[in-house]
Amino acid sequence: MTKFSEEFQNDVVDFWNENKGKVKGKEVTGVHMKRMTEKKFSMQDVADHFGLTISQANRIVYVKKGESK
């Protein structure tokens, strides 16, 4: 398992807390009936931003956060 520094973990958690739930963009979808859908910020965006896998990002945000308390 890859180890990450405390500073890097804090950066990832702060980035997630600042952006979670925000709308990234709107798009018109649908074949027969057009709908406006919103793309929300997700864990995949955190993983892409820091060059991690989704599992690593989840572990840093949810598991490591609990250990530091």
C-alpha atoms as a PDB file:
ATOM      1  CA  MET A   1       0.000   0.000   0.000  1.00  0.00           C
ATOM      2  CA  THR A   2       1.294   3.451  -0.886  1.00  0.00           C
ATOM      3  CA  LYS A   3       2.071   5.822   1.974  1.00  0.00           C
ATOM      4  CA  PHE A   4       1.325   9.510   1.634  1.00  0.00           C
ATOM      5  CA  SER A   5       2.677  12.366   3.711  1.00  0.00           C
ATOM      6  CA  GLU A   6       0.436  14.093   6.230  1.00  0.00           C
ATOM      7  CA  GLU A   7       0.702  17.337   4.271  1.00  0.00           C
ATOM      8  CA  PHE A   8      -0.455  15.646   1.058  1.00  0.00           C
ATOM      9  CA  GLN A   9      -3.341  13.955   2.882  1.00  0.00           C
ATOM     10  CA  ASN A  10      -4.429  17.291   4.334  1.00  0.00           C
ATOM     11  CA  ASP A  11      -4.291  18.881   0.860  1.00  0.00           C
ATOM     12  CA  VAL A  12      -6.523  16.135  -0.549  1.00  0.00           C
ATOM     13  CA  VAL A  13      -9.045  16.393   2.307  1.00  0.00           C
ATOM     14  CA  ASP A  14      -9.137  20.209   2.069  1.00  0.00           C
ATOM     15  CA  PHE A  15      -9.644  20.049  -1.714  1.00  0.00           C
ATOM     16  CA  TRP A  16     -12.529  17.591  -1.243  1.00  0.00           C
ATOM     17  CA  ASN A  17     -14.173  19.645   1.513  1.00  0.00           C
ATOM     18  CA  GLU A  18     -13.944  22.872  -0.521  1.00  0.00           C
ATOM     19  CA  ASN A  19     -15.467  21.389  -3.681  1.00  0.00           C
ATOM     20  CA  LYS A  20     -17.820  18.551  -2.735  1.00  0.00           C
ATOM     21  CA  GLY A  21     -21.377  19.063  -3.880  1.00  0.00           C
ATOM     22  CA  LYS A  22     -20.525  21.907  -6.259  1.00  0.00           C
ATOM     23  CA  VAL A  23     -21.941  21.854  -9.773  1.00  0.00           C
ATOM     24  CA  LYS A  24     -19.226  21.502 -12.413  1.00  0.00           C
ATOM     25  CA  GLY A  25     -21.435  22.080 -15.427  1.00  0.00           C
ATOM     26  CA  LYS A  26     -24.817  21.603 -17.066  1.00  0.00           C
ATOM     27  CA  GLU A  27     -25.573  19.536 -20.118  1.00  0.00           C
ATOM     28  CA  VAL A  28     -28.630  18.817 -22.246  1.00  0.00           C
ATOM     29  CA  THR A  29     -29.168  15.062 -22.514  1.00  0.00           C
ATOM     30  CA  GLY A  30     -31.836  12.706 -23.752  1.00  0.00           C
ATOM     31  CA  VAL A  31     -32.821  11.207 -27.058  1.00  0.00           C
ATOM     32  CA  HIS A  32     -36.592  11.594 -27.196  1.00  0.00           C
ATOM     33  CA  MET A  33     -37.098  14.019 -24.339  1.00  0.00           C
ATOM     34  CA  LYS A  34     -34.453  16.666 -23.678  1.00  0.00           C
ATOM     35  CA  ARG A  35     -33.377  17.137 -20.060  1.00  0.00           C
ATOM     36  CA  MET A  36     -30.926  19.464 -18.383  1.00  0.00           C
ATOM     37  CA  THR A  37     -28.536  17.462 -16.190  1.00  0.00           C
ATOM     38  CA  GLU A  38     -25.939  18.813 -13.785  1.00  0.00           C
ATOM     39  CA  LYS A  39     -22.507  17.243 -13.361  1.00  0.00           C
ATOM     40  CA  LYS A  40     -21.520  17.470  -9.711  1.00  0.00           C
ATOM     41  CA  PHE A  41     -18.050  17.342  -8.209  1.00  0.00           C
ATOM     42  CA  SER A  42     -17.163  13.752  -7.326  1.00  0.00           C
ATOM     43  CA  MET A  43     -14.351  11.683  -5.872  1.00  0.00           C
ATOM     44  CA  GLN A  44     -13.211  10.918  -9.434  1.00  0.00           C
ATOM     45  CA  ASP A  45     -12.419  14.627  -9.839  1.00  0.00           C
ATOM     46  CA  VAL A  46     -10.235  14.551  -6.706  1.00  0.00           C
ATOM     47  CA  ALA A  47      -8.448  11.452  -7.975  1.00  0.00           C
ATOM     48  CA  ASP A  48      -7.818  13.047 -11.380  1.00  0.00           C
ATOM     49  CA  HIS A  49      -6.602  16.310  -9.834  1.00  0.00           C
ATOM     50  CA  PHE A  50      -3.981  14.609  -7.634  1.00  0.00           C
ATOM     51  CA  GLY A  51      -3.122  11.709  -9.952  1.00  0.00           C
ATOM     52  CA  LEU A  52      -4.576   9.046  -7.640  1.00  0.00           C
ATOM     53  CA  THR A  53      -6.964   6.159  -8.076  1.00  0.00           C
ATOM     54  CA  ILE A  54     -10.497   6.509  -6.742  1.00  0.00           C
ATOM     55  CA  SER A  55      -9.724   3.962  -4.027  1.00  0.00           C
ATOM     56  CA  GLN A  56      -6.672   5.915  -2.848  1.00  0.00           C
ATOM     57  CA  ALA A  57      -8.653   9.163  -2.773  1.00  0.00           C
ATOM     58  CA  ASN A  58     -11.493   7.515  -0.828  1.00  0.00           C
ATOM     59  CA  ARG A  59      -9.042   6.032   1.645  1.00  0.00           C
ATOM     60  CA  ILE A  60      -7.312   9.364   2.224  1.00  0.00           C
ATOM     61  CA  VAL A  61     -10.553  11.312   2.638  1.00  0.00           C
ATOM     62  CA  TYR A  62     -12.631   8.859   4.679  1.00  0.00           C
ATOM     63  CA  VAL A  63     -10.265   6.396   6.405  1.00  0.00           C
ATOM     64  CA  LYS A  64      -7.213   8.535   7.167  1.00  0.00           C
ATOM     65  CA  LYS A  65      -9.423  11.402   8.328  1.00  0.00           C
ATOM     66  CA  GLY A  66     -10.772   9.182  11.122  1.00  0.00           C
ATOM     67  CA  GLU A  67      -7.306   8.018  12.192  1.00  0.00           C
ATOM     68  CA  SER A  68      -5.935  11.530  12.649  1.00  0.00           C
ATOM     69  CA  LYS A  69      -8.496  12.394  15.336  1.00  0.00           C
END
